[in-house]
Amino acid sequence: MAERPASAEGRKGSGSGASGQEWYRDGLRFECTMCGNCCTGPEGVVWFSREEGRAMAAELGVAESDFYRDFARTVDNRWSLRERELEDGRRDCILLDRASVPGKVVCGVYRARPTQCRTWPFWAENLASRRAWEAAKRRTPCPGMDQGALVPIERIRIQRDSTPE
């Protein structure tokens, strides 16, 4: 999974340079390619709120208690989605579907996915600097970063500021 720090320590900073302006003030390009790379990787966390848990349970058509039992875990007294270990040692989000759409990877609860997922790649740690953005693009790897439609700074700020710590 695109690695998320388990605490707020990795999220400080808004990407403002010495001039006080974000380095991405002209916007950034991003278009999801449905590769699933942001949902696969080393062990990580996908934080979600109780409200998001209820919405994901409803999207899956299961009781909320069953959702928490089968799809969630606690990390540092917070809720995170479970992961499924792959043969190569990487981990997939438990909700990642590699079979339904040939050649694509989709989310099993896309319409109800957590805010953390909705805001990728506009996380504060990825926006801390151009170097951090490039590192996230390589590490994930995310072929949609710097591709597709230009996302204006106003929308980036909203996504950055709504991502859970």
C-alpha atoms as a PDB file:
ATOM      1  CA  MET A   1       0.000   0.000   0.000  1.00  0.00           C
ATOM      2  CA  ALA A   2       1.107   3.546  -0.422  1.00  0.00           C
ATOM      3  CA  GLU A   3       2.744   3.852   2.958  1.00  0.00           C
ATOM      4  CA  ARG A   4       0.965   5.968   5.508  1.00  0.00           C
ATOM      5  CA  PRO A   5       2.694   6.810   8.741  1.00  0.00           C
ATOM      6  CA  ALA A   6       0.938   5.362  11.780  1.00  0.00           C
ATOM      7  CA  SER A   7       1.065   8.796  13.394  1.00  0.00           C
ATOM      8  CA  ALA A   8       1.039  12.420  12.337  1.00  0.00           C
ATOM      9  CA  GLU A   9       4.839  12.609  12.471  1.00  0.00           C
ATOM     10  CA  GLY A  10       5.206  12.014   8.730  1.00  0.00           C
ATOM     11  CA  ARG A  11       2.633  14.594   7.709  1.00  0.00           C
ATOM     12  CA  LYS A  12       3.973  17.920   8.910  1.00  0.00           C
ATOM     13  CA  GLY A  13       4.290  20.822   6.512  1.00  0.00           C
ATOM     14  CA  SER A  14       2.094  22.172   3.743  1.00  0.00           C
ATOM     15  CA  GLY A  15       4.678  22.175   0.986  1.00  0.00           C
ATOM     16  CA  SER A  16       5.414  25.865   1.382  1.00  0.00           C
ATOM     17  CA  GLY A  17       8.852  26.932   0.291  1.00  0.00           C
ATOM     18  CA  ALA A  18      10.952  29.843   1.498  1.00  0.00           C
ATOM     19  CA  SER A  19       8.622  32.234  -0.328  1.00  0.00           C
ATOM     20  CA  GLY A  20       5.637  30.946   1.673  1.00  0.00           C
ATOM     21  CA  GLN A  21       3.935  29.645  -1.476  1.00  0.00           C
ATOM     22  CA  GLU A  22       3.295  25.984  -2.174  1.00  0.00           C
ATOM     23  CA  TRP A  23       5.652  24.604  -4.819  1.00  0.00           C
ATOM     24  CA  TYR A  24       2.544  23.238  -6.587  1.00  0.00           C
ATOM     25  CA  ARG A  25       0.822  26.649  -6.754  1.00  0.00           C
ATOM     26  CA  ASP A  26       0.147  26.139 -10.487  1.00  0.00           C
ATOM     27  CA  GLY A  27      -1.571  22.814  -9.749  1.00  0.00           C
ATOM     28  CA  LEU A  28      -0.473  19.233 -10.390  1.00  0.00           C
ATOM     29  CA  ARG A  29      -1.499  16.643 -12.900  1.00  0.00           C
ATOM     30  CA  PHE A  30      -3.040  13.391 -11.733  1.00  0.00           C
ATOM     31  CA  GLU A  31      -5.176  10.730 -13.356  1.00  0.00           C
ATOM     32  CA  CYS A  32      -5.856   7.355 -11.793  1.00  0.00           C
ATOM     33  CA  THR A  33      -4.763   4.531 -14.118  1.00  0.00           C
ATOM     34  CA  MET A  34      -6.425   1.817 -11.998  1.00  0.00           C
ATOM     35  CA  CYS A  35      -3.079   0.073 -11.513  1.00  0.00           C
ATOM     36  CA  GLY A  36      -3.706  -0.610  -7.812  1.00  0.00           C
ATOM     37  CA  ASN A  37      -0.160   0.326  -6.804  1.00  0.00           C
ATOM     38  CA  CYS A  38      -1.389   2.783  -4.181  1.00  0.00           C
ATOM     39  CA  CYS A  39      -3.324  -0.096  -2.578  1.00  0.00           C
ATOM     40  CA  THR A  40      -0.418  -2.573  -2.604  1.00  0.00           C
ATOM     41  CA  GLY A  41       3.026  -2.662  -1.051  1.00  0.00           C
ATOM     42  CA  PRO A  42       4.613  -3.027   2.346  1.00  0.00           C
ATOM     43  CA  GLU A  43       2.496  -3.232   5.466  1.00  0.00           C
ATOM     44  CA  GLY A  44       0.630   0.012   5.986  1.00  0.00           C
ATOM     45  CA  VAL A  45      -2.547   1.532   7.304  1.00  0.00           C
ATOM     46  CA  VAL A  46      -5.721   2.837   5.724  1.00  0.00           C
ATOM     47  CA  TRP A  47      -7.413   4.883   8.404  1.00  0.00           C
ATOM     48  CA  PHE A  48     -11.161   5.244   8.379  1.00  0.00           C
ATOM     49  CA  SER A  49     -13.800   6.760  10.631  1.00  0.00           C
ATOM     50  CA  ARG A  50     -16.837   5.009  12.117  1.00  0.00           C
ATOM     51  CA  GLU A  51     -19.007   6.819   9.567  1.00  0.00           C
ATOM     52  CA  GLU A  52     -16.793   5.547   6.735  1.00  0.00           C
ATOM     53  CA  GLY A  53     -16.933   2.036   8.249  1.00  0.00           C
ATOM     54  CA  ARG A  54     -20.740   2.145   8.167  1.00  0.00           C
ATOM     55  CA  ALA A  55     -20.687   3.338   4.557  1.00  0.00           C
ATOM     56  CA  MET A  56     -18.244   0.599   3.486  1.00  0.00           C
ATOM     57  CA  ALA A  57     -20.356  -2.063   5.241  1.00  0.00           C
ATOM     58  CA  ALA A  58     -23.452  -0.789   3.421  1.00  0.00           C
ATOM     59  CA  GLU A  59     -21.594  -0.756   0.088  1.00  0.00           C
ATOM     60  CA  LEU A  60     -20.545  -4.375   0.655  1.00  0.00           C
ATOM     61  CA  GLY A  61     -24.047  -5.322   1.799  1.00  0.00           C
ATOM     62  CA  VAL A  62     -22.868  -6.692   5.151  1.00  0.00           C
ATOM     63  CA  ALA A  63     -23.723  -5.903   8.747  1.00  0.00           C
ATOM     64  CA  GLU A  64     -21.477  -3.306  10.314  1.00  0.00           C
ATOM     65  CA  SER A  65     -20.292  -5.801  12.953  1.00  0.00           C
ATOM     66  CA  ASP A  66     -19.373  -8.280  10.193  1.00  0.00           C
ATOM     67  CA  PHE A  67     -17.483  -5.555   8.311  1.00  0.00           C
ATOM     68  CA  TYR A  68     -15.360  -4.756  11.357  1.00  0.00           C
ATOM     69  CA  ARG A  69     -14.729  -8.444  12.052  1.00  0.00           C
ATOM     70  CA  ASP A  70     -13.809  -9.371   8.461  1.00  0.00           C
ATOM     71  CA  PHE A  71     -12.324  -6.231   6.909  1.00  0.00           C
ATOM     72  CA  ALA A  72     -10.919  -4.054   9.710  1.00  0.00           C
ATOM     73  CA  ARG A  73      -8.259  -4.068  12.406  1.00  0.00           C
ATOM     74  CA  THR A  74      -7.146  -1.680  15.108  1.00  0.00           C
ATOM     75  CA  VAL A  75      -3.788   0.050  14.983  1.00  0.00           C
ATOM     76  CA  ASP A  76      -2.856   2.511  17.726  1.00  0.00           C
ATOM     77  CA  ASN A  77      -6.498   2.514  18.912  1.00  0.00           C
ATOM     78  CA  ARG A  78      -7.753   3.544  15.457  1.00  0.00           C
ATOM     79  CA  TRP A  79      -9.499   1.620  12.695  1.00  0.00           C
ATOM     80  CA  SER A  80      -7.629   0.556   9.569  1.00  0.00           C
ATOM     81  CA  LEU A  81      -8.537  -1.749   6.721  1.00  0.00           C
ATOM     82  CA  ARG A  82      -6.987  -5.208   6.811  1.00  0.00           C
ATOM     83  CA  GLU A  83      -4.475  -6.391   4.246  1.00  0.00           C
ATOM     84  CA  ARG A  84      -4.021  -9.621   2.346  1.00  0.00           C
ATOM     85  CA  GLU A  85      -0.470 -10.954   1.943  1.00  0.00           C
ATOM     86  CA  LEU A  86       0.576 -11.786  -1.617  1.00  0.00           C
ATOM     87  CA  GLU A  87       2.957 -14.566  -2.656  1.00  0.00           C
ATOM     88  CA  ASP A  88       5.778 -12.060  -3.194  1.00  0.00           C
ATOM     89  CA  GLY A  89       5.428 -10.653   0.335  1.00  0.00           C
ATOM     90  CA  ARG A  90       3.667  -7.441  -0.654  1.00  0.00           C
ATOM     91  CA  ARG A  91       0.243  -6.709   0.805  1.00  0.00           C
ATOM     92  CA  ASP A  92      -2.998  -5.757  -0.909  1.00  0.00           C
ATOM     93  CA  CYS A  93      -5.778  -3.828   0.747  1.00  0.00           C
ATOM     94  CA  ILE A  94      -8.444  -6.381   1.678  1.00  0.00           C
ATOM     95  CA  LEU A  95     -10.889  -4.516  -0.591  1.00  0.00           C
ATOM     96  CA  LEU A  96      -8.675  -4.557  -3.689  1.00  0.00           C
ATOM     97  CA  ASP A  97     -10.224  -6.526  -6.549  1.00  0.00           C
ATOM     98  CA  ARG A  98      -7.814  -7.815  -9.192  1.00  0.00           C
ATOM     99  CA  ALA A  99     -10.311 -10.078 -10.988  1.00  0.00           C
ATOM    100  CA  SER A 100     -13.483  -8.176 -11.936  1.00  0.00           C
ATOM    101  CA  VAL A 101     -12.063  -5.854 -14.616  1.00  0.00           C
ATOM    102  CA  PRO A 102      -9.450  -7.465 -16.902  1.00  0.00           C
ATOM    103  CA  GLY A 103      -6.210  -5.469 -16.919  1.00  0.00           C
ATOM    104  CA  LYS A 104      -7.383  -3.133 -14.152  1.00  0.00           C
ATOM    105  CA  VAL A 105      -7.457  -3.168 -10.384  1.00  0.00           C
ATOM    106  CA  VAL A 106     -10.558  -1.784  -8.683  1.00  0.00           C
ATOM    107  CA  CYS A 107     -11.755  -0.990  -5.201  1.00  0.00           C
ATOM    108  CA  GLY A 108     -14.524  -3.189  -3.839  1.00  0.00           C
ATOM    109  CA  VAL A 109     -16.096  -0.162  -2.137  1.00  0.00           C
ATOM    110  CA  TYR A 110     -15.049   2.584  -4.546  1.00  0.00           C
ATOM    111  CA  ARG A 111     -18.102   4.802  -3.954  1.00  0.00           C
ATOM    112  CA  ALA A 112     -17.645   4.469  -0.180  1.00  0.00           C
ATOM    113  CA  ARG A 113     -13.838   4.345   0.002  1.00  0.00           C
ATOM    114  CA  PRO A 114     -12.203   6.131   2.942  1.00  0.00           C
ATOM    115  CA  THR A 115     -11.033   9.730   2.706  1.00  0.00           C
ATOM    116  CA  GLN A 116      -7.418   8.560   2.817  1.00  0.00           C
ATOM    117  CA  CYS A 117      -8.003   6.689  -0.451  1.00  0.00           C
ATOM    118  CA  ARG A 118     -10.044   9.481  -2.041  1.00  0.00           C
ATOM    119  CA  THR A 119      -7.267  12.012  -1.481  1.00  0.00           C
ATOM    120  CA  TRP A 120      -4.299  10.042  -2.925  1.00  0.00           C
ATOM    121  CA  PRO A 121      -1.780  11.367  -3.993  1.00  0.00           C
ATOM    122  CA  PHE A 122      -2.500  14.755  -2.426  1.00  0.00           C
ATOM    123  CA  TRP A 123      -1.291  13.831   1.060  1.00  0.00           C
ATOM    124  CA  ALA A 124       0.718  16.404   3.020  1.00  0.00           C
ATOM    125  CA  GLU A 125       3.808  14.171   3.102  1.00  0.00           C
ATOM    126  CA  ASN A 126       3.722  13.852  -0.707  1.00  0.00           C
ATOM    127  CA  LEU A 127       3.264  17.601  -1.090  1.00  0.00           C
ATOM    128  CA  ALA A 128       6.020  18.626   1.327  1.00  0.00           C
ATOM    129  CA  SER A 129       8.321  19.305  -1.636  1.00  0.00           C
ATOM    130  CA  ARG A 130       8.772  18.463  -5.295  1.00  0.00           C
ATOM    131  CA  ARG A 131      11.342  15.927  -4.129  1.00  0.00           C
ATOM    132  CA  ALA A 132       8.777  14.273  -1.812  1.00  0.00           C
ATOM    133  CA  TRP A 133       6.261  14.153  -4.703  1.00  0.00           C
ATOM    134  CA  GLU A 134       8.818  12.502  -6.992  1.00  0.00           C
ATOM    135  CA  ALA A 135       9.813  10.043  -4.260  1.00  0.00           C
ATOM    136  CA  ALA A 136       6.165   9.020  -3.726  1.00  0.00           C
ATOM    137  CA  LYS A 137       5.731   8.628  -7.473  1.00  0.00           C
ATOM    138  CA  ARG A 138       8.726   6.252  -7.604  1.00  0.00           C
ATOM    139  CA  ARG A 139       8.076   4.422  -4.337  1.00  0.00           C
ATOM    140  CA  THR A 140       4.436   3.579  -5.015  1.00  0.00           C
ATOM    141  CA  PRO A 141       5.015   3.571  -8.139  1.00  0.00           C
ATOM    142  CA  CYS A 142       2.156   5.704  -9.413  1.00  0.00           C
ATOM    143  CA  PRO A 143       1.958   6.124 -13.202  1.00  0.00           C
ATOM    144  CA  GLY A 144      -0.909   8.621 -12.813  1.00  0.00           C
ATOM    145  CA  MET A 145       1.126  11.245 -10.962  1.00  0.00           C
ATOM    146  CA  ASP A 146       2.099  14.087 -13.342  1.00  0.00           C
ATOM    147  CA  GLN A 147      -0.320  12.693 -15.965  1.00  0.00           C
ATOM    148  CA  GLY A 148      -3.837  13.608 -17.037  1.00  0.00           C
ATOM    149  CA  ALA A 149      -5.857  16.669 -16.148  1.00  0.00           C
ATOM    150  CA  LEU A 150      -4.420  19.553 -14.184  1.00  0.00           C
ATOM    151  CA  VAL A 151      -5.745  19.590 -10.622  1.00  0.00           C
ATOM    152  CA  PRO A 152      -5.924  23.197  -9.386  1.00  0.00           C
ATOM    153  CA  ILE A 153      -4.265  24.205  -6.131  1.00  0.00           C
ATOM    154  CA  GLU A 154      -7.623  24.893  -4.468  1.00  0.00           C
ATOM    155  CA  ARG A 155      -8.705  21.275  -4.984  1.00  0.00           C
ATOM    156  CA  ILE A 156      -5.285  19.980  -3.907  1.00  0.00           C
ATOM    157  CA  ARG A 157      -5.513  21.997  -0.680  1.00  0.00           C
ATOM    158  CA  ILE A 158      -8.970  20.616   0.100  1.00  0.00           C
ATOM    159  CA  GLN A 159      -7.784  17.047  -0.408  1.00  0.00           C
ATOM    160  CA  ARG A 160      -4.529  17.622   1.477  1.00  0.00           C
ATOM    161  CA  ASP A 161      -6.332  19.139   4.446  1.00  0.00           C
ATOM    162  CA  SER A 162      -9.061  16.487   4.623  1.00  0.00           C
ATOM    163  CA  THR A 163      -6.697  13.502   4.737  1.00  0.00           C
ATOM    164  CA  PRO A 164      -6.681  11.820   8.157  1.00  0.00           C
ATOM    165  CA  GLU A 165      -3.481  11.977  10.150  1.00  0.00           C
END
